All heavy atoms as atom14 arrays in JSON, in Angstrom:
{
  "sequence": "AVAVALQLELNEPLNLPSNTVETIAATVTFLILVLWAFT",
  "atom14_mask": [
    [1, 1, 1, 1, 1, 0, 0, 0, 0, 0, 0, 0, 0, 0],
    [1, 1, 1, 1, 1, 1, 1, 0, 0, 0, 0, 0, 0, 0],
    [1, 1, 1, 1, 1, 0, 0, 0, 0, 0, 0, 0, 0, 0],
    [1, 1, 1, 1, 1, 1, 1, 0, 0, 0, 0, 0, 0, 0],
    [1, 1, 1, 1, 1, 0, 0, 0, 0, 0, 0, 0, 0, 0],
    [1, 1, 1, 1, 1, 1, 1, 1, 0, 0, 0, 0, 0, 0],
    [1, 1, 1, 1, 1, 1, 1, 1, 1, 0, 0, 0, 0, 0],
    [1, 1, 1, 1, 1, 1, 1, 1, 0, 0, 0, 0, 0, 0],
    [1, 1, 1, 1, 1, 1, 1, 1, 1, 0, 0, 0, 0, 0],
    [1, 1, 1, 1, 1, 1, 1, 1, 0, 0, 0, 0, 0, 0],
    [1, 1, 1, 1, 1, 1, 1, 1, 0, 0, 0, 0, 0, 0],
    [1, 1, 1, 1, 1, 1, 1, 1, 1, 0, 0, 0, 0, 0],
    [1, 1, 1, 1, 1, 1, 1, 0, 0, 0, 0, 0, 0, 0],
    [1, 1, 1, 1, 1, 1, 1, 1, 0, 0, 0, 0, 0, 0],
    [1, 1, 1, 1, 1, 1, 1, 1, 0, 0, 0, 0, 0, 0],
    [1, 1, 1, 1, 1, 1, 1, 1, 0, 0, 0, 0, 0, 0],
    [1, 1, 1, 1, 1, 1, 1, 0, 0, 0, 0, 0, 0, 0],
    [1, 1, 1, 1, 1, 1, 0, 0, 0, 0, 0, 0, 0, 0],
    [1, 1, 1, 1, 1, 1, 1, 1, 0, 0, 0, 0, 0, 0],
    [1, 1, 1, 1, 1, 1, 1, 0, 0, 0, 0, 0, 0, 0],
    [1, 1, 1, 1, 1, 1, 1, 0, 0, 0, 0, 0, 0, 0],
    [1, 1, 1, 1, 1, 1, 1, 1, 1, 0, 0, 0, 0, 0],
    [1, 1, 1, 1, 1, 1, 1, 0, 0, 0, 0, 0, 0, 0],
    [1, 1, 1, 1, 1, 1, 1, 1, 0, 0, 0, 0, 0, 0],
    [1, 1, 1, 1, 1, 0, 0, 0, 0, 0, 0, 0, 0, 0],
    [1, 1, 1, 1, 1, 0, 0, 0, 0, 0, 0, 0, 0, 0],
    [1, 1, 1, 1, 1, 1, 1, 0, 0, 0, 0, 0, 0, 0],
    [1, 1, 1, 1, 1, 1, 1, 0, 0, 0, 0, 0, 0, 0],
    [1, 1, 1, 1, 1, 1, 1, 0, 0, 0, 0, 0, 0, 0],
    [1, 1, 1, 1, 1, 1, 1, 1, 1, 1, 1, 0, 0, 0],
    [1, 1, 1, 1, 1, 1, 1, 1, 0, 0, 0, 0, 0, 0],
    [1, 1, 1, 1, 1, 1, 1, 1, 0, 0, 0, 0, 0, 0],
    [1, 1, 1, 1, 1, 1, 1, 1, 0, 0, 0, 0, 0, 0],
    [1, 1, 1, 1, 1, 1, 1, 0, 0, 0, 0, 0, 0, 0],
    [1, 1, 1, 1, 1, 1, 1, 1, 0, 0, 0, 0, 0, 0],
    [1, 1, 1, 1, 1, 1, 1, 1, 1, 1, 1, 1, 1, 1],
    [1, 1, 1, 1, 1, 0, 0, 0, 0, 0, 0, 0, 0, 0],
    [1, 1, 1, 1, 1, 1, 1, 1, 1, 1, 1, 0, 0, 0],
    [1, 1, 1, 1, 1, 1, 1, 0, 0, 0, 0, 0, 0, 0]
  ],
  "atom14_positions": [
    [[8.22, 18.65, -21.21], [7.02, 18.99, -21.98], [7.36, 19.9, -23.16], [6.82, 19.74, -24.27], [6.0, 19.67, -21.07], [0.0, 0.0, 0.0], [0.0, 0.0, 0.0], [0.0, 0.0, 0.0], [0.0, 0.0, 0.0], [0.0, 0.0, 0.0], [0.0, 0.0, 0.0], [0.0, 0.0, 0.0], [0.0, 0.0, 0.0], [0.0, 0.0, 0.0]],
    [[8.24, 20.85, -22.94], [8.66, 21.75, -24.03], [9.4, 20.95, -25.1], [9.2, 21.16, -26.31], [9.55, 22.88, -23.48], [10.17, 23.68, -24.63], [8.74, 23.81, -22.58], [0.0, 0.0, 0.0], [0.0, 0.0, 0.0], [0.0, 0.0, 0.0], [0.0, 0.0, 0.0], [0.0, 0.0, 0.0], [0.0, 0.0, 0.0], [0.0, 0.0, 0.0]],
    [[10.24, 20.01, -24.67], [10.97, 19.16, -25.63], [10.01, 18.33, -26.46], [10.18, 18.2, -27.69], [11.94, 18.26, -24.87], [0.0, 0.0, 0.0], [0.0, 0.0, 0.0], [0.0, 0.0, 0.0], [0.0, 0.0, 0.0], [0.0, 0.0, 0.0], [0.0, 0.0, 0.0], [0.0, 0.0, 0.0], [0.0, 0.0, 0.0], [0.0, 0.0, 0.0]],
    [[8.98, 17.78, -25.82], [7.98, 17.0, -26.55], [7.22, 17.89, -27.53], [6.94, 17.49, -28.66], [7.01, 16.32, -25.56], [5.8, 15.72, -26.3], [7.73, 15.23, -24.77], [0.0, 0.0, 0.0], [0.0, 0.0, 0.0], [0.0, 0.0, 0.0], [0.0, 0.0, 0.0], [0.0, 0.0, 0.0], [0.0, 0.0, 0.0], [0.0, 0.0, 0.0]],
    [[6.88, 19.11, -27.08], [6.16, 20.05, -27.95], [7.0, 20.4, -29.18], [6.45, 20.63, -30.27], [5.81, 21.31, -27.18], [0.0, 0.0, 0.0], [0.0, 0.0, 0.0], [0.0, 0.0, 0.0], [0.0, 0.0, 0.0], [0.0, 0.0, 0.0], [0.0, 0.0, 0.0], [0.0, 0.0, 0.0], [0.0, 0.0, 0.0], [0.0, 0.0, 0.0]],
    [[8.32, 20.43, -29.01], [9.24, 20.71, -30.12], [9.61, 19.45, -30.89], [10.46, 19.51, -31.79], [10.5, 21.4, -29.6], [10.3, 22.77, -28.95], [11.6, 23.28, -28.35], [9.75, 23.78, -29.96], [0.0, 0.0, 0.0], [0.0, 0.0, 0.0], [0.0, 0.0, 0.0], [0.0, 0.0, 0.0], [0.0, 0.0, 0.0], [0.0, 0.0, 0.0]],
    [[9.0, 18.33, -30.5], [9.21, 17.02, -31.14], [10.68, 16.58, -31.06], [11.25, 16.06, -32.03], [8.74, 17.06, -32.6], [7.25, 17.33, -32.72], [6.76, 17.28, -34.16], [7.53, 17.38, -35.1], [5.45, 17.12, -34.33], [0.0, 0.0, 0.0], [0.0, 0.0, 0.0], [0.0, 0.0, 0.0], [0.0, 0.0, 0.0], [0.0, 0.0, 0.0]],
    [[11.27, 16.8, -29.9], [12.65, 16.38, -29.65], [12.67, 15.03, -28.95], [11.84, 14.77, -28.07], [13.38, 17.42, -28.8], [13.48, 18.84, -29.38], [14.16, 19.76, -28.38], [14.26, 18.83, -30.7], [0.0, 0.0, 0.0], [0.0, 0.0, 0.0], [0.0, 0.0, 0.0], [0.0, 0.0, 0.0], [0.0, 0.0, 0.0], [0.0, 0.0, 0.0]],
    [[13.61, 14.18, -29.29], [13.78, 12.89, -28.64], [14.49, 13.09, -27.31], [15.48, 13.82, -27.22], [14.59, 11.96, -29.53], [15.02, 10.68, -28.87], [13.85, 9.8, -28.43], [12.81, 9.81, -29.13], [13.99, 9.12, -27.41], [0.0, 0.0, 0.0], [0.0, 0.0, 0.0], [0.0, 0.0, 0.0], [0.0, 0.0, 0.0], [0.0, 0.0, 0.0]],
    [[13.98, 12.47, -26.25], [14.55, 12.66, -24.91], [15.34, 11.46, -24.41], [16.34, 11.61, -23.71], [13.43, 12.97, -23.91], [12.75, 14.34, -24.05], [11.57, 14.43, -23.1], [13.74, 15.45, -23.78], [0.0, 0.0, 0.0], [0.0, 0.0, 0.0], [0.0, 0.0, 0.0], [0.0, 0.0, 0.0], [0.0, 0.0, 0.0], [0.0, 0.0, 0.0]],
    [[14.91, 10.26, -24.75], [15.54, 9.06, -24.2], [16.97, 8.89, -24.67], [17.88, 8.63, -23.87], [14.71, 7.82, -24.56], [13.36, 7.81, -23.88], [13.28, 7.83, -22.66], [12.3, 7.81, -24.67], [0.0, 0.0, 0.0], [0.0, 0.0, 0.0], [0.0, 0.0, 0.0], [0.0, 0.0, 0.0], [0.0, 0.0, 0.0], [0.0, 0.0, 0.0]],
    [[17.19, 9.03, -25.97], [18.53, 8.78, -26.52], [19.58, 9.78, -26.04], [20.66, 9.37, -25.62], [18.46, 8.78, -28.05], [19.75, 8.34, -28.72], [19.6, 8.23, -30.22], [18.45, 8.09, -30.69], [20.63, 8.26, -30.91], [0.0, 0.0, 0.0], [0.0, 0.0, 0.0], [0.0, 0.0, 0.0], [0.0, 0.0, 0.0], [0.0, 0.0, 0.0]],
    [[19.3, 11.12, -26.05], [20.3, 12.06, -25.54], [20.66, 11.85, -24.07], [21.77, 12.17, -23.64], [19.63, 13.43, -25.75], [18.63, 13.2, -26.83], [18.15, 11.81, -26.63], [0.0, 0.0, 0.0], [0.0, 0.0, 0.0], [0.0, 0.0, 0.0], [0.0, 0.0, 0.0], [0.0, 0.0, 0.0], [0.0, 0.0, 0.0], [0.0, 0.0, 0.0]],
    [[19.7, 11.32, -23.29], [19.95, 11.08, -21.87], [20.48, 9.66, -21.61], [20.63, 9.26, -20.45], [18.65, 11.29, -21.08], [18.07, 12.71, -21.11], [16.72, 12.75, -20.42], [19.03, 13.69, -20.44], [0.0, 0.0, 0.0], [0.0, 0.0, 0.0], [0.0, 0.0, 0.0], [0.0, 0.0, 0.0], [0.0, 0.0, 0.0], [0.0, 0.0, 0.0]],
    [[20.74, 8.92, -22.69], [21.23, 7.54, -22.57], [20.28, 6.65, -21.77], [20.71, 5.84, -20.95], [22.63, 7.52, -21.94], [23.67, 8.16, -22.83], [23.66, 7.96, -24.05], [24.57, 8.94, -22.24], [0.0, 0.0, 0.0], [0.0, 0.0, 0.0], [0.0, 0.0, 0.0], [0.0, 0.0, 0.0], [0.0, 0.0, 0.0], [0.0, 0.0, 0.0]],
    [[19.0, 6.83, -22.03], [17.98, 6.05, -21.34], [17.4, 5.01, -22.29], [17.35, 5.22, -23.5], [16.86, 6.97, -20.84], [17.24, 8.02, -19.79], [16.07, 8.94, -19.54], [17.68, 7.35, -18.5], [0.0, 0.0, 0.0], [0.0, 0.0, 0.0], [0.0, 0.0, 0.0], [0.0, 0.0, 0.0], [0.0, 0.0, 0.0], [0.0, 0.0, 0.0]],
    [[16.96, 3.88, -21.75], [16.29, 2.89, -22.59], [15.05, 3.48, -23.26], [14.48, 4.46, -22.78], [15.91, 1.77, -21.61], [16.84, 1.96, -20.44], [17.1, 3.43, -20.36], [0.0, 0.0, 0.0], [0.0, 0.0, 0.0], [0.0, 0.0, 0.0], [0.0, 0.0, 0.0], [0.0, 0.0, 0.0], [0.0, 0.0, 0.0], [0.0, 0.0, 0.0]],
    [[14.64, 2.87, -24.33], [13.47, 3.36, -25.07], [12.23, 3.44, -24.17], [11.98, 2.56, -23.35], [13.19, 2.42, -26.24], [12.06, 2.84, -26.96], [0.0, 0.0, 0.0], [0.0, 0.0, 0.0], [0.0, 0.0, 0.0], [0.0, 0.0, 0.0], [0.0, 0.0, 0.0], [0.0, 0.0, 0.0], [0.0, 0.0, 0.0], [0.0, 0.0, 0.0]],
    [[11.48, 4.55, -24.32], [10.21, 4.79, -23.61], [10.38, 5.03, -22.11], [9.38, 5.01, -21.37], [9.23, 3.64, -23.82], [8.75, 3.54, -25.26], [8.55, 4.56, -25.92], [8.58, 2.33, -25.75], [0.0, 0.0, 0.0], [0.0, 0.0, 0.0], [0.0, 0.0, 0.0], [0.0, 0.0, 0.0], [0.0, 0.0, 0.0], [0.0, 0.0, 0.0]],
    [[11.61, 5.28, -21.64], [11.81, 5.53, -20.2], [11.11, 6.81, -19.75], [10.41, 6.83, -18.73], [13.31, 5.62, -19.87], [13.94, 4.39, -20.22], [13.51, 5.89, -18.39], [0.0, 0.0, 0.0], [0.0, 0.0, 0.0], [0.0, 0.0, 0.0], [0.0, 0.0, 0.0], [0.0, 0.0, 0.0], [0.0, 0.0, 0.0], [0.0, 0.0, 0.0]],
    [[11.3, 7.88, -20.5], [10.68, 9.17, -20.15], [9.16, 9.04, -20.17], [8.47, 9.55, -19.28], [11.13, 10.27, -21.13], [10.32, 11.55, -20.9], [12.61, 10.56, -20.95], [0.0, 0.0, 0.0], [0.0, 0.0, 0.0], [0.0, 0.0, 0.0], [0.0, 0.0, 0.0], [0.0, 0.0, 0.0], [0.0, 0.0, 0.0], [0.0, 0.0, 0.0]],
    [[8.63, 8.35, -21.17], [7.18, 8.16, -21.27], [6.64, 7.36, -20.09], [5.56, 7.66, -19.56], [6.83, 7.45, -22.58], [7.05, 8.28, -23.83], [8.51, 8.39, -24.24], [9.36, 7.69, -23.65], [8.81, 9.15, -25.18], [0.0, 0.0, 0.0], [0.0, 0.0, 0.0], [0.0, 0.0, 0.0], [0.0, 0.0, 0.0], [0.0, 0.0, 0.0]],
    [[7.39, 6.35, -19.65], [6.96, 5.54, -18.5], [6.98, 6.37, -17.22], [6.06, 6.27, -16.39], [7.88, 4.32, -18.35], [7.85, 3.55, -19.55], [7.42, 3.45, -17.18], [0.0, 0.0, 0.0], [0.0, 0.0, 0.0], [0.0, 0.0, 0.0], [0.0, 0.0, 0.0], [0.0, 0.0, 0.0], [0.0, 0.0, 0.0], [0.0, 0.0, 0.0]],
    [[8.01, 7.2, -17.07], [8.08, 8.07, -15.9], [6.91, 9.05, -15.9], [6.26, 9.28, -14.86], [9.42, 8.83, -15.88], [10.59, 7.87, -15.65], [9.41, 9.92, -14.79], [11.95, 8.52, -15.78], [0.0, 0.0, 0.0], [0.0, 0.0, 0.0], [0.0, 0.0, 0.0], [0.0, 0.0, 0.0], [0.0, 0.0, 0.0], [0.0, 0.0, 0.0]],
    [[6.62, 9.63, -17.06], [5.5, 10.57, -17.17], [4.17, 9.9, -16.85], [3.31, 10.48, -16.16], [5.46, 11.16, -18.58], [0.0, 0.0, 0.0], [0.0, 0.0, 0.0], [0.0, 0.0, 0.0], [0.0, 0.0, 0.0], [0.0, 0.0, 0.0], [0.0, 0.0, 0.0], [0.0, 0.0, 0.0], [0.0, 0.0, 0.0], [0.0, 0.0, 0.0]],
    [[4.0, 8.66, -17.32], [2.77, 7.92, -17.03], [2.64, 7.63, -15.53], [1.54, 7.74, -14.95], [2.74, 6.62, -17.81], [0.0, 0.0, 0.0], [0.0, 0.0, 0.0], [0.0, 0.0, 0.0], [0.0, 0.0, 0.0], [0.0, 0.0, 0.0], [0.0, 0.0, 0.0], [0.0, 0.0, 0.0], [0.0, 0.0, 0.0], [0.0, 0.0, 0.0]],
    [[3.75, 7.29, -14.9], [3.75, 7.02, -13.46], [3.39, 8.28, -12.68], [2.6, 8.24, -11.72], [5.13, 6.52, -13.0], [5.47, 5.35, -13.76], [5.11, 6.17, -11.52], [0.0, 0.0, 0.0], [0.0, 0.0, 0.0], [0.0, 0.0, 0.0], [0.0, 0.0, 0.0], [0.0, 0.0, 0.0], [0.0, 0.0, 0.0], [0.0, 0.0, 0.0]],
    [[3.95, 9.41, -13.09], [3.64, 10.69, -12.44], [2.16, 11.01, -12.57], [1.52, 11.46, -11.6], [4.51, 11.82, -13.04], [4.01, 13.18, -12.57], [5.97, 11.63, -12.66], [0.0, 0.0, 0.0], [0.0, 0.0, 0.0], [0.0, 0.0, 0.0], [0.0, 0.0, 0.0], [0.0, 0.0, 0.0], [0.0, 0.0, 0.0], [0.0, 0.0, 0.0]],
    [[1.6, 10.79, -13.76], [0.18, 11.06, -13.96], [-0.68, 10.19, -13.05], [-1.67, 10.67, -12.46], [-0.22, 10.79, -15.43], [0.63, 11.54, -16.29], [-1.66, 11.2, -15.69], [0.0, 0.0, 0.0], [0.0, 0.0, 0.0], [0.0, 0.0, 0.0], [0.0, 0.0, 0.0], [0.0, 0.0, 0.0], [0.0, 0.0, 0.0], [0.0, 0.0, 0.0]],
    [[-0.33, 8.92, -12.93], [-1.09, 8.02, -12.05], [-1.03, 8.52, -10.61], [-2.05, 8.54, -9.9], [-0.52, 6.6, -12.15], [-1.33, 5.59, -11.38], [-2.47, 5.04, -11.93], [-0.95, 5.2, -10.1], [-3.23, 4.11, -11.22], [-1.69, 4.27, -9.39], [-2.84, 3.73, -9.95], [0.0, 0.0, 0.0], [0.0, 0.0, 0.0], [0.0, 0.0, 0.0]],
    [[0.15, 8.97, -10.15], [0.28, 9.49, -8.79], [-0.55, 10.77, -8.61], [-1.16, 10.99, -7.56], [1.75, 9.78, -8.48], [2.66, 8.54, -8.36], [4.11, 8.97, -8.19], [2.22, 7.65, -7.2], [0.0, 0.0, 0.0], [0.0, 0.0, 0.0], [0.0, 0.0, 0.0], [0.0, 0.0, 0.0], [0.0, 0.0, 0.0], [0.0, 0.0, 0.0]],
    [[-0.58, 11.61, -9.64], [-1.39, 12.83, -9.59], [-2.86, 12.49, -9.39], [-3.57, 13.13, -8.61], [-1.2, 13.66, -10.88], [0.19, 14.31, -10.89], [-2.28, 14.73, -11.02], [0.53, 14.98, -12.21], [0.0, 0.0, 0.0], [0.0, 0.0, 0.0], [0.0, 0.0, 0.0], [0.0, 0.0, 0.0], [0.0, 0.0, 0.0], [0.0, 0.0, 0.0]],
    [[-3.33, 11.47, -10.1], [-4.74, 11.08, -10.01], [-5.07, 10.44, -8.67], [-6.18, 10.59, -8.16], [-5.09, 10.14, -11.16], [-4.97, 10.76, -12.56], [-5.31, 9.75, -13.63], [-5.86, 11.98, -12.67], [0.0, 0.0, 0.0], [0.0, 0.0, 0.0], [0.0, 0.0, 0.0], [0.0, 0.0, 0.0], [0.0, 0.0, 0.0], [0.0, 0.0, 0.0]],
    [[-4.11, 9.74, -8.08], [-4.31, 9.2, -6.73], [-4.42, 10.34, -5.73], [-5.29, 10.34, -4.85], [-3.15, 8.24, -6.35], [-3.25, 7.85, -4.88], [-3.18, 6.99, -7.22], [0.0, 0.0, 0.0], [0.0, 0.0, 0.0], [0.0, 0.0, 0.0], [0.0, 0.0, 0.0], [0.0, 0.0, 0.0], [0.0, 0.0, 0.0], [0.0, 0.0, 0.0]],
    [[-3.55, 11.34, -5.87], [-3.61, 12.51, -4.99], [-4.93, 13.24, -5.18], [-5.55, 13.7, -4.21], [-2.43, 13.44, -5.27], [-1.05, 12.93, -4.87], [0.05, 13.83, -5.42], [-0.93, 12.84, -3.34], [0.0, 0.0, 0.0], [0.0, 0.0, 0.0], [0.0, 0.0, 0.0], [0.0, 0.0, 0.0], [0.0, 0.0, 0.0], [0.0, 0.0, 0.0]],
    [[-5.36, 13.37, -6.44], [-6.64, 14.03, -6.72], [-7.79, 13.29, -6.04], [-8.7, 13.92, -5.49], [-6.87, 14.07, -8.24], [-8.22, 14.58, -8.65], [-8.74, 15.82, -8.4], [-9.24, 13.87, -9.37], [-10.0, 15.93, -8.93], [-10.32, 14.75, -9.54], [-9.31, 12.6, -9.91], [-11.49, 14.39, -10.21], [-10.46, 12.23, -10.58], [-11.54, 13.11, -10.73]],
    [[-7.74, 11.98, -6.06], [-8.82, 11.19, -5.47], [-8.97, 11.44, -3.98], [-10.08, 11.42, -3.44], [-8.57, 9.7, -5.73], [0.0, 0.0, 0.0], [0.0, 0.0, 0.0], [0.0, 0.0, 0.0], [0.0, 0.0, 0.0], [0.0, 0.0, 0.0], [0.0, 0.0, 0.0], [0.0, 0.0, 0.0], [0.0, 0.0, 0.0], [0.0, 0.0, 0.0]],
    [[-7.85, 11.71, -3.3], [-7.91, 11.84, -1.84], [-7.87, 13.29, -1.36], [-7.72, 13.53, -0.16], [-6.76, 11.05, -1.21], [-6.95, 9.57, -1.3], [-6.3, 8.82, -2.28], [-7.81, 8.92, -0.43], [-6.49, 7.46, -2.38], [-8.01, 7.55, -0.52], [-7.34, 6.81, -1.5], [0.0, 0.0, 0.0], [0.0, 0.0, 0.0], [0.0, 0.0, 0.0]],
    [[-8.02, 14.25, -2.28], [-8.12, 15.64, -1.83], [-9.56, 16.13, -1.83], [-9.82, 17.31, -1.63], [-7.29, 16.59, -2.73], [-7.63, 16.36, -4.1], [-5.81, 16.4, -2.51], [0.0, 0.0, 0.0], [0.0, 0.0, 0.0], [0.0, 0.0, 0.0], [0.0, 0.0, 0.0], [0.0, 0.0, 0.0], [0.0, 0.0, 0.0], [0.0, 0.0, 0.0]]
  ]
}
C-alpha cells in the first residue's frame, strides 16, 4: 500500500506478470467481504 501511495511499480521489480499484485489485492478484498458477511 505504501508503494502504491508512492506510485512505485511492484510487479516488475518482483519479476511478476503484469497486474499480479492487483489481482492478489482484489482476491484479498473479496475474501475480506466474505468474512464480513459472516461475522
